[in-house]
């Protein structure tokens, strides 16, 4: 299974990072996860491109995770593609319908399929674009889902926290994952809720009883730029696993944990 970071930034642009987007590939199956501002450009830079992704999965509906939905739809239509499936938590269908109401000329340009999903156990995952996807609720300022991705006969799993505070149950949800992609938005000196700091994430990783191959830090606000070594050191004070910074365009072939 291949993971590509299309955007690793936040709601406050830095000029160096697009907003949130991931691309998953397993055999012939492709899945885009979140579609923040600029993530479509990140997708266009891959060999898959927007022509090759017919399913978008949303963690939640904050602007920095959905801003490129309409540009994605228009790009696929102009490229001659005929369909798109949008999957996400409760309210996803009304969100997309509202966007189409605001951009009436895009009505009926694509054969749209919309599907809403909720939390589910690892033993009873959702089937999305050829991936088995378990979901759990996170701790954020609006309803948000973390996702755990598996694909038949492919290495993995890969778990994505979505936006969330760090807490041990979420880390345990990732138990056995080759890769955990986790929100780490602000430095330790910022008093923040709904997102983790390096020290709170390090504490959750250390407290959980989870076996994780590698952790990538993403959803980085401008406050984090120039402080990456300090971030990694702060996590490392409590957690001795393999932790790295995500960056736009980073593409990794995921091996078994």
C-alpha atoms as a PDB file:
ATOM      1  CA  UNK A   1       0.000   0.000   0.000  1.00  0.00           C
ATOM      2  CA  UNK A   2       1.301   3.459  -0.907  1.00  0.00           C
ATOM      3  CA  UNK A   3       0.622   6.632   1.069  1.00  0.00           C
ATOM      4  CA  UNK A   4       1.199  10.078  -0.414  1.00  0.00           C
ATOM      5  CA  UNK A   5       0.821  13.305   1.550  1.00  0.00           C
ATOM      6  CA  UNK A   6      -1.017  15.764  -0.701  1.00  0.00           C
ATOM      7  CA  UNK A   7      -1.225  18.444   1.979  1.00  0.00           C
ATOM      8  CA  UNK A   8       0.181  18.631   5.501  1.00  0.00           C
ATOM      9  CA  UNK A   9      -0.799  22.150   6.485  1.00  0.00           C
ATOM     10  CA  UNK A  10      -3.636  23.729   8.408  1.00  0.00           C
ATOM     11  CA  UNK A  11      -6.282  26.441   8.191  1.00  0.00           C
ATOM     12  CA  UNK A  12      -3.510  29.077   8.258  1.00  0.00           C
ATOM     13  CA  UNK A  13      -1.483  28.879   5.017  1.00  0.00           C
ATOM     14  CA  UNK A  14       2.298  29.037   5.167  1.00  0.00           C
ATOM     15  CA  UNK A  15       3.045  29.104   1.437  1.00  0.00           C
ATOM     16  CA  UNK A  16       4.893  25.802   1.780  1.00  0.00           C
ATOM     17  CA  UNK A  17       2.122  23.384   2.763  1.00  0.00           C
ATOM     18  CA  UNK A  18      -1.248  22.710   1.195  1.00  0.00           C
ATOM     19  CA  UNK A  19      -4.185  21.983   3.461  1.00  0.00           C
ATOM     20  CA  UNK A  20      -5.044  18.412   4.424  1.00  0.00           C
ATOM     21  CA  UNK A  21      -5.153  15.664   1.825  1.00  0.00           C
ATOM     22  CA  UNK A  22      -3.899  12.082   1.581  1.00  0.00           C
ATOM     23  CA  UNK A  23      -3.763   9.623  -1.303  1.00  0.00           C
ATOM     24  CA  UNK A  24      -3.900   5.869  -0.705  1.00  0.00           C
ATOM     25  CA  UNK A  25      -3.073   3.332  -3.397  1.00  0.00           C
ATOM     26  CA  UNK A  26      -3.365  -0.451  -3.219  1.00  0.00           C
ATOM     27  CA  UNK A  27      -3.134  -2.333  -6.495  1.00  0.00           C
ATOM     28  CA  UNK A  28      -5.711  -0.764  -8.801  1.00  0.00           C
ATOM     29  CA  UNK A  29      -7.559   0.878  -5.899  1.00  0.00           C
ATOM     30  CA  UNK A  30      -7.148   4.575  -5.107  1.00  0.00           C
ATOM     31  CA  UNK A  31      -8.723   6.732  -2.401  1.00  0.00           C
ATOM     32  CA  UNK A  32      -8.350  10.428  -1.581  1.00  0.00           C
ATOM     33  CA  UNK A  33      -8.807  11.328   2.085  1.00  0.00           C
ATOM     34  CA  UNK A  34      -9.815  14.951   2.777  1.00  0.00           C
ATOM     35  CA  UNK A  35      -9.610  17.688   0.187  1.00  0.00           C
ATOM     36  CA  UNK A  36      -8.436  20.955   1.700  1.00  0.00           C
ATOM     37  CA  UNK A  37      -7.277  23.989  -0.249  1.00  0.00           C
ATOM     38  CA  UNK A  38      -4.349  23.022  -2.482  1.00  0.00           C
ATOM     39  CA  UNK A  39      -4.782  19.282  -2.012  1.00  0.00           C
ATOM     40  CA  UNK A  40      -6.062  19.032  -5.581  1.00  0.00           C
ATOM     41  CA  UNK A  41      -2.766  20.508  -6.786  1.00  0.00           C
ATOM     42  CA  UNK A  42      -0.978  17.907  -4.685  1.00  0.00           C
ATOM     43  CA  UNK A  43      -3.065  15.200  -6.315  1.00  0.00           C
ATOM     44  CA  UNK A  44      -2.302  16.560  -9.792  1.00  0.00           C
ATOM     45  CA  UNK A  45       1.416  16.198  -9.024  1.00  0.00           C
ATOM     46  CA  UNK A  46       1.060  12.443  -8.521  1.00  0.00           C
ATOM     47  CA  UNK A  47       0.981   9.775 -11.187  1.00  0.00           C
ATOM     48  CA  UNK A  48      -2.638   9.091 -10.278  1.00  0.00           C
ATOM     49  CA  UNK A  49      -3.996  12.600 -10.778  1.00  0.00           C
ATOM     50  CA  UNK A  50      -7.575  13.708 -10.304  1.00  0.00           C
ATOM     51  CA  UNK A  51      -8.602  11.549 -13.259  1.00  0.00           C
ATOM     52  CA  UNK A  52      -7.542   8.443 -11.338  1.00  0.00           C
ATOM     53  CA  UNK A  53      -9.406   9.067  -8.065  1.00  0.00           C
ATOM     54  CA  UNK A  54     -13.155   8.497  -8.147  1.00  0.00           C
ATOM     55  CA  UNK A  55     -13.725   8.314  -4.370  1.00  0.00           C
ATOM     56  CA  UNK A  56     -13.175  11.011  -1.742  1.00  0.00           C
ATOM     57  CA  UNK A  57     -13.411  10.211   1.979  1.00  0.00           C
ATOM     58  CA  UNK A  58     -13.843  13.063   4.466  1.00  0.00           C
ATOM     59  CA  UNK A  59     -12.840  13.020   8.128  1.00  0.00           C
ATOM     60  CA  UNK A  60     -14.987  16.084   8.918  1.00  0.00           C
ATOM     61  CA  UNK A  61     -16.348  19.265   7.420  1.00  0.00           C
ATOM     62  CA  UNK A  62     -14.021  22.069   8.492  1.00  0.00           C
ATOM     63  CA  UNK A  63     -13.006  24.277   5.560  1.00  0.00           C
ATOM     64  CA  UNK A  64      -9.362  23.222   5.532  1.00  0.00           C
ATOM     65  CA  UNK A  65     -10.503  19.645   4.822  1.00  0.00           C
ATOM     66  CA  UNK A  66     -13.183  20.272   2.202  1.00  0.00           C
ATOM     67  CA  UNK A  67     -12.269  23.452   0.275  1.00  0.00           C
ATOM     68  CA  UNK A  68     -11.209  21.656  -2.916  1.00  0.00           C
ATOM     69  CA  UNK A  69     -14.305  19.456  -3.267  1.00  0.00           C
ATOM     70  CA  UNK A  70     -15.865  21.632  -5.967  1.00  0.00           C
ATOM     71  CA  UNK A  71     -12.544  22.159  -7.793  1.00  0.00           C
ATOM     72  CA  UNK A  72     -12.077  18.364  -7.742  1.00  0.00           C
ATOM     73  CA  UNK A  73     -15.522  17.860  -9.225  1.00  0.00           C
ATOM     74  CA  UNK A  74     -14.942  20.459 -11.930  1.00  0.00           C
ATOM     75  CA  UNK A  75     -11.492  19.113 -12.814  1.00  0.00           C
ATOM     76  CA  UNK A  76     -12.863  15.587 -13.205  1.00  0.00           C
ATOM     77  CA  UNK A  77     -15.726  16.834 -15.369  1.00  0.00           C
ATOM     78  CA  UNK A  78     -13.398  18.865 -17.611  1.00  0.00           C
ATOM     79  CA  UNK A  79     -11.086  15.850 -17.923  1.00  0.00           C
ATOM     80  CA  UNK A  80     -13.968  13.766 -19.236  1.00  0.00           C
ATOM     81  CA  UNK A  81     -14.550  11.711 -16.097  1.00  0.00           C
ATOM     82  CA  UNK A  82     -18.174  10.923 -15.368  1.00  0.00           C
ATOM     83  CA  UNK A  83     -18.497  10.092 -11.666  1.00  0.00           C
ATOM     84  CA  UNK A  84     -17.388  10.804  -8.126  1.00  0.00           C
ATOM     85  CA  UNK A  85     -18.245   9.159  -4.814  1.00  0.00           C
ATOM     86  CA  UNK A  86     -18.052  11.309  -1.676  1.00  0.00           C
ATOM     87  CA  UNK A  87     -18.047   9.501   1.678  1.00  0.00           C
ATOM     88  CA  UNK A  88     -17.932  11.064   5.117  1.00  0.00           C
ATOM     89  CA  UNK A  89     -19.548  11.478   8.522  1.00  0.00           C
ATOM     90  CA  UNK A  90     -23.139  12.514   9.129  1.00  0.00           C
ATOM     91  CA  UNK A  91     -23.999  15.675   7.218  1.00  0.00           C
ATOM     92  CA  UNK A  92     -21.773  14.945   4.223  1.00  0.00           C
ATOM     93  CA  UNK A  93     -24.696  14.632   1.818  1.00  0.00           C
ATOM     94  CA  UNK A  94     -26.209  17.977   2.849  1.00  0.00           C
ATOM     95  CA  UNK A  95     -22.749  19.586   2.692  1.00  0.00           C
ATOM     96  CA  UNK A  96     -22.232  18.539  -0.926  1.00  0.00           C
ATOM     97  CA  UNK A  97     -25.794  19.436  -1.870  1.00  0.00           C
ATOM     98  CA  UNK A  98     -25.246  22.908  -0.409  1.00  0.00           C
ATOM     99  CA  UNK A  99     -22.052  23.363  -2.413  1.00  0.00           C
ATOM    100  CA  UNK A 100     -23.901  22.384  -5.573  1.00  0.00           C
ATOM    101  CA  UNK A 101     -26.696  24.821  -4.733  1.00  0.00           C
ATOM    102  CA  UNK A 102     -24.084  27.582  -4.555  1.00  0.00           C
ATOM    103  CA  UNK A 103     -22.478  26.471  -7.840  1.00  0.00           C
ATOM    104  CA  UNK A 104     -25.521  25.556  -9.896  1.00  0.00           C
ATOM    105  CA  UNK A 105     -23.635  25.129 -13.158  1.00  0.00           C
ATOM    106  CA  UNK A 106     -21.993  22.014 -11.654  1.00  0.00           C
ATOM    107  CA  UNK A 107     -25.352  20.339 -11.088  1.00  0.00           C
ATOM    108  CA  UNK A 108     -25.510  17.017 -12.952  1.00  0.00           C
ATOM    109  CA  UNK A 109     -22.036  17.371 -14.444  1.00  0.00           C
ATOM    110  CA  UNK A 110     -20.977  14.152 -12.670  1.00  0.00           C
ATOM    111  CA  UNK A 111     -22.801  11.054 -11.581  1.00  0.00           C
ATOM    112  CA  UNK A 112     -22.478  11.719  -7.847  1.00  0.00           C
ATOM    113  CA  UNK A 113     -22.775   9.042  -5.179  1.00  0.00           C
ATOM    114  CA  UNK A 114     -22.888  10.251  -1.581  1.00  0.00           C
ATOM    115  CA  UNK A 115     -22.552   8.015   1.451  1.00  0.00           C
ATOM    116  CA  UNK A 116     -22.434   8.717   5.161  1.00  0.00           C
ATOM    117  CA  UNK A 117     -20.505   6.513   7.588  1.00  0.00           C
ATOM    118  CA  UNK A 118     -20.065   6.332  11.339  1.00  0.00           C
ATOM    119  CA  UNK A 119     -17.813   4.612  13.858  1.00  0.00           C
ATOM    120  CA  UNK A 120     -17.323   0.902  13.318  1.00  0.00           C
ATOM    121  CA  UNK A 121     -15.117  -1.809  14.764  1.00  0.00           C
ATOM    122  CA  UNK A 122     -12.056  -3.203  13.079  1.00  0.00           C
ATOM    123  CA  UNK A 123     -13.864  -6.517  12.738  1.00  0.00           C
ATOM    124  CA  UNK A 124     -16.737  -4.937  10.812  1.00  0.00           C
ATOM    125  CA  UNK A 125     -15.168  -2.246   8.630  1.00  0.00           C
ATOM    126  CA  UNK A 126     -16.725  -0.115   5.923  1.00  0.00           C
ATOM    127  CA  UNK A 127     -15.843  -1.108   2.364  1.00  0.00           C
ATOM    128  CA  UNK A 128     -14.708   2.054   0.567  1.00  0.00           C
ATOM    129  CA  UNK A 129     -13.054   2.072  -2.865  1.00  0.00           C
ATOM    130  CA  UNK A 130     -11.587  -1.396  -2.322  1.00  0.00           C
ATOM    131  CA  UNK A 131     -10.246  -0.605   1.160  1.00  0.00           C
ATOM    132  CA  UNK A 132     -11.488  -1.966   4.474  1.00  0.00           C
ATOM    133  CA  UNK A 133     -11.961   1.130   6.623  1.00  0.00           C
ATOM    134  CA  UNK A 134     -12.632   1.110  10.367  1.00  0.00           C
ATOM    135  CA  UNK A 135     -13.668   4.423  11.945  1.00  0.00           C
ATOM    136  CA  UNK A 136     -13.762   5.963  15.406  1.00  0.00           C
ATOM    137  CA  UNK A 137     -14.835   9.319  16.810  1.00  0.00           C
ATOM    138  CA  UNK A 138     -12.097  11.783  17.634  1.00  0.00           C
ATOM    139  CA  UNK A 139     -11.972  14.692  20.089  1.00  0.00           C
ATOM    140  CA  UNK A 140     -12.409  17.785  17.984  1.00  0.00           C
ATOM    141  CA  UNK A 141     -14.578  20.898  17.814  1.00  0.00           C
ATOM    142  CA  UNK A 142     -16.985  19.202  15.393  1.00  0.00           C
ATOM    143  CA  UNK A 143     -17.860  15.593  14.622  1.00  0.00           C
ATOM    144  CA  UNK A 144     -14.743  14.003  13.157  1.00  0.00           C
ATOM    145  CA  UNK A 145     -13.698  10.447  12.358  1.00  0.00           C
ATOM    146  CA  UNK A 146     -10.297   8.789  12.481  1.00  0.00           C
ATOM    147  CA  UNK A 147      -9.827   6.042   9.895  1.00  0.00           C
ATOM    148  CA  UNK A 148      -7.857   2.818   9.780  1.00  0.00           C
ATOM    149  CA  UNK A 149      -7.188   1.477   6.279  1.00  0.00           C
ATOM    150  CA  UNK A 150      -6.457  -2.061   5.193  1.00  0.00           C
ATOM    151  CA  UNK A 151      -6.350  -3.617   1.734  1.00  0.00           C
ATOM    152  CA  UNK A 152      -6.393  -7.297   0.791  1.00  0.00           C
ATOM    153  CA  UNK A 153      -2.898  -8.735   0.271  1.00  0.00           C
ATOM    154  CA  UNK A 154      -1.321  -5.332   0.876  1.00  0.00           C
ATOM    155  CA  UNK A 155       1.020  -4.193   3.630  1.00  0.00           C
ATOM    156  CA  UNK A 156      -0.396  -1.978   6.318  1.00  0.00           C
ATOM    157  CA  UNK A 157      -2.594  -0.986   8.019  1.00  0.00           C
ATOM    158  CA  UNK A 158      -2.433   2.803   7.827  1.00  0.00           C
ATOM    159  CA  UNK A 159      -4.292   4.910  10.410  1.00  0.00           C
ATOM    160  CA  UNK A 160      -5.137   8.612  10.090  1.00  0.00           C
ATOM    161  CA  UNK A 161      -6.228  10.534  13.179  1.00  0.00           C
ATOM    162  CA  UNK A 162      -8.113  13.260  11.331  1.00  0.00           C
ATOM    163  CA  UNK A 163      -8.224  16.349  13.548  1.00  0.00           C
ATOM    164  CA  UNK A 164      -8.172  15.427  17.210  1.00  0.00           C
ATOM    165  CA  UNK A 165      -6.676  15.886  20.594  1.00  0.00           C
ATOM    166  CA  UNK A 166      -4.237  13.101  21.422  1.00  0.00           C
ATOM    167  CA  UNK A 167      -5.632  10.381  23.673  1.00  0.00           C
ATOM    168  CA  UNK A 168      -4.645   6.753  24.304  1.00  0.00           C
ATOM    169  CA  UNK A 169      -7.832   5.194  22.883  1.00  0.00           C
ATOM    170  CA  UNK A 170      -7.118   6.771  19.520  1.00  0.00           C
ATOM    171  CA  UNK A 171      -3.560   5.415  19.569  1.00  0.00           C
ATOM    172  CA  UNK A 172      -4.901   1.992  20.534  1.00  0.00           C
ATOM    173  CA  UNK A 173      -7.240   2.205  17.527  1.00  0.00           C
ATOM    174  CA  UNK A 174      -4.045   2.271  15.438  1.00  0.00           C
ATOM    175  CA  UNK A 175      -2.564  -0.814  17.159  1.00  0.00           C
ATOM    176  CA  UNK A 176      -0.749  -2.960  14.588  1.00  0.00           C
ATOM    177  CA  UNK A 177      -0.522  -0.152  12.033  1.00  0.00           C
ATOM    178  CA  UNK A 178       2.605   0.199   9.979  1.00  0.00           C
ATOM    179  CA  UNK A 179       1.940   3.951   9.850  1.00  0.00           C
ATOM    180  CA  UNK A 180      -0.027   6.338  12.060  1.00  0.00           C
ATOM    181  CA  UNK A 181      -0.562   9.811  10.598  1.00  0.00           C
ATOM    182  CA  UNK A 182      -1.440  12.071  13.520  1.00  0.00           C
ATOM    183  CA  UNK A 183      -2.472  15.693  13.944  1.00  0.00           C
ATOM    184  CA  UNK A 184       0.204  17.706  15.793  1.00  0.00           C
ATOM    185  CA  UNK A 185      -0.863  21.274  15.234  1.00  0.00           C
ATOM    186  CA  UNK A 186       0.766  23.539  17.823  1.00  0.00           C
ATOM    187  CA  UNK A 187       3.957  23.788  19.918  1.00  0.00           C
ATOM    188  CA  UNK A 188       3.918  22.941  23.600  1.00  0.00           C
ATOM    189  CA  UNK A 189       3.741  26.560  24.733  1.00  0.00           C
ATOM    190  CA  UNK A 190       0.349  27.085  23.078  1.00  0.00           C
ATOM    191  CA  UNK A 191      -2.652  26.370  25.290  1.00  0.00           C
ATOM    192  CA  UNK A 192      -4.920  24.583  22.824  1.00  0.00           C
ATOM    193  CA  UNK A 193      -7.878  22.224  22.780  1.00  0.00           C
ATOM    194  CA  UNK A 194      -9.168  20.113  19.879  1.00  0.00           C
ATOM    195  CA  UNK A 195      -5.599  19.527  18.628  1.00  0.00           C
ATOM    196  CA  UNK A 196      -2.470  18.048  20.250  1.00  0.00           C
ATOM    197  CA  UNK A 197       0.893  19.513  21.024  1.00  0.00           C
ATOM    198  CA  UNK A 198       4.043  17.380  20.773  1.00  0.00           C
ATOM    199  CA  UNK A 199       4.073  16.698  24.523  1.00  0.00           C
ATOM    200  CA  UNK A 200       0.407  15.669  24.699  1.00  0.00           C
ATOM    201  CA  UNK A 201       0.862  13.431  21.671  1.00  0.00           C
ATOM    202  CA  UNK A 202       4.012  11.907  23.153  1.00  0.00           C
ATOM    203  CA  UNK A 203       2.134  11.204  26.370  1.00  0.00           C
ATOM    204  CA  UNK A 204      -0.748   9.493  24.565  1.00  0.00           C
ATOM    205  CA  UNK A 205       1.624   7.397  22.456  1.00  0.00           C
ATOM    206  CA  UNK A 206       3.515   6.313  25.574  1.00  0.00           C
ATOM    207  CA  UNK A 207       0.393   5.566  27.611  1.00  0.00           C
ATOM    208  CA  UNK A 208      -1.347   3.483  24.966  1.00  0.00           C
ATOM    209  CA  UNK A 209      -0.688  -0.217  24.616  1.00  0.00           C
ATOM    210  CA  UNK A 210      -0.187  -0.105  20.864  1.00  0.00           C
ATOM    211  CA  UNK A 211       2.372  -1.485  18.428  1.00  0.00           C
ATOM    212  CA  UNK A 212       2.950   1.114  15.703  1.00  0.00           C
ATOM    213  CA  UNK A 213       5.648   1.036  13.071  1.00  0.00           C
ATOM    214  CA  UNK A 214       6.049   4.737  12.359  1.00  0.00           C
ATOM    215  CA  UNK A 215       4.282   7.980  13.293  1.00  0.00           C
ATOM    216  CA  UNK A 216       4.068  10.963  10.934  1.00  0.00           C
ATOM    217  CA  UNK A 217       3.148  14.397  12.299  1.00  0.00           C
ATOM    218  CA  UNK A 218       0.851  16.492  10.140  1.00  0.00           C
ATOM    219  CA  UNK A 219      -1.716  19.343  10.185  1.00  0.00           C
ATOM    220  CA  UNK A 220       1.054  21.786  11.008  1.00  0.00           C
ATOM    221  CA  UNK A 221       0.189  25.408  11.809  1.00  0.00           C
ATOM    222  CA  UNK A 222       2.682  28.215  11.015  1.00  0.00           C
ATOM    223  CA  UNK A 223       3.713  28.168  14.683  1.00  0.00           C
ATOM    224  CA  UNK A 224       5.500  24.871  13.955  1.00  0.00           C
ATOM    225  CA  UNK A 225       7.685  26.063  11.089  1.00  0.00           C
ATOM    226  CA  UNK A 226      11.344  26.130  12.039  1.00  0.00           C
ATOM    227  CA  UNK A 227      10.649  24.080  15.158  1.00  0.00           C
ATOM    228  CA  UNK A 228      10.565  20.561  13.777  1.00  0.00           C
ATOM    229  CA  UNK A 229      13.553  19.271  15.721  1.00  0.00           C
ATOM    230  CA  UNK A 230      12.106  20.633  18.945  1.00  0.00           C
ATOM    231  CA  UNK A 231       8.762  18.991  18.136  1.00  0.00           C
ATOM    232  CA  UNK A 232      10.350  15.599  17.577  1.00  0.00           C
ATOM    233  CA  UNK A 233      12.443  15.965  20.731  1.00  0.00           C
ATOM    234  CA  UNK A 234       9.343  16.816  22.775  1.00  0.00           C
ATOM    235  CA  UNK A 235       7.501  13.718  21.536  1.00  0.00           C
ATOM    236  CA  UNK A 236      10.638  11.661  22.121  1.00  0.00           C
ATOM    237  CA  UNK A 237      10.868  12.619  25.789  1.00  0.00           C
ATOM    238  CA  UNK A 238       7.926  10.276  26.429  1.00  0.00           C
ATOM    239  CA  UNK A 239       7.742   8.005  23.401  1.00  0.00           C
ATOM    240  CA  UNK A 240      10.750   6.183  21.978  1.00  0.00           C
ATOM    241  CA  UNK A 241       9.174   5.012  18.712  1.00  0.00           C
ATOM    242  CA  UNK A 242       9.924   6.141  15.170  1.00  0.00           C
ATOM    243  CA  UNK A 243       8.377   9.619  14.736  1.00  0.00           C
ATOM    244  CA  UNK A 244       8.887  11.784  11.660  1.00  0.00           C
ATOM    245  CA  UNK A 245       7.598  14.999  10.111  1.00  0.00           C
ATOM    246  CA  UNK A 246       5.224  14.711   7.188  1.00  0.00           C
ATOM    247  CA  UNK A 247       5.711  17.023   4.212  1.00  0.00           C
ATOM    248  CA  UNK A 248       3.771  17.748   1.062  1.00  0.00           C
ATOM    249  CA  UNK A 249       4.613  15.312  -1.722  1.00  0.00           C
ATOM    250  CA  UNK A 250       6.162  12.690   0.551  1.00  0.00           C
ATOM    251  CA  UNK A 251       5.206   9.270  -0.834  1.00  0.00           C
ATOM    252  CA  UNK A 252       6.016   6.064   1.006  1.00  0.00           C
ATOM    253  CA  UNK A 253       5.530   2.408   0.225  1.00  0.00           C
ATOM    254  CA  UNK A 254       4.115   1.009   3.463  1.00  0.00           C
ATOM    255  CA  UNK A 255       5.583  -2.264   4.692  1.00  0.00           C
ATOM    256  CA  UNK A 256       4.234  -4.612   7.317  1.00  0.00           C
ATOM    257  CA  UNK A 257       4.574  -3.334  10.884  1.00  0.00           C
END
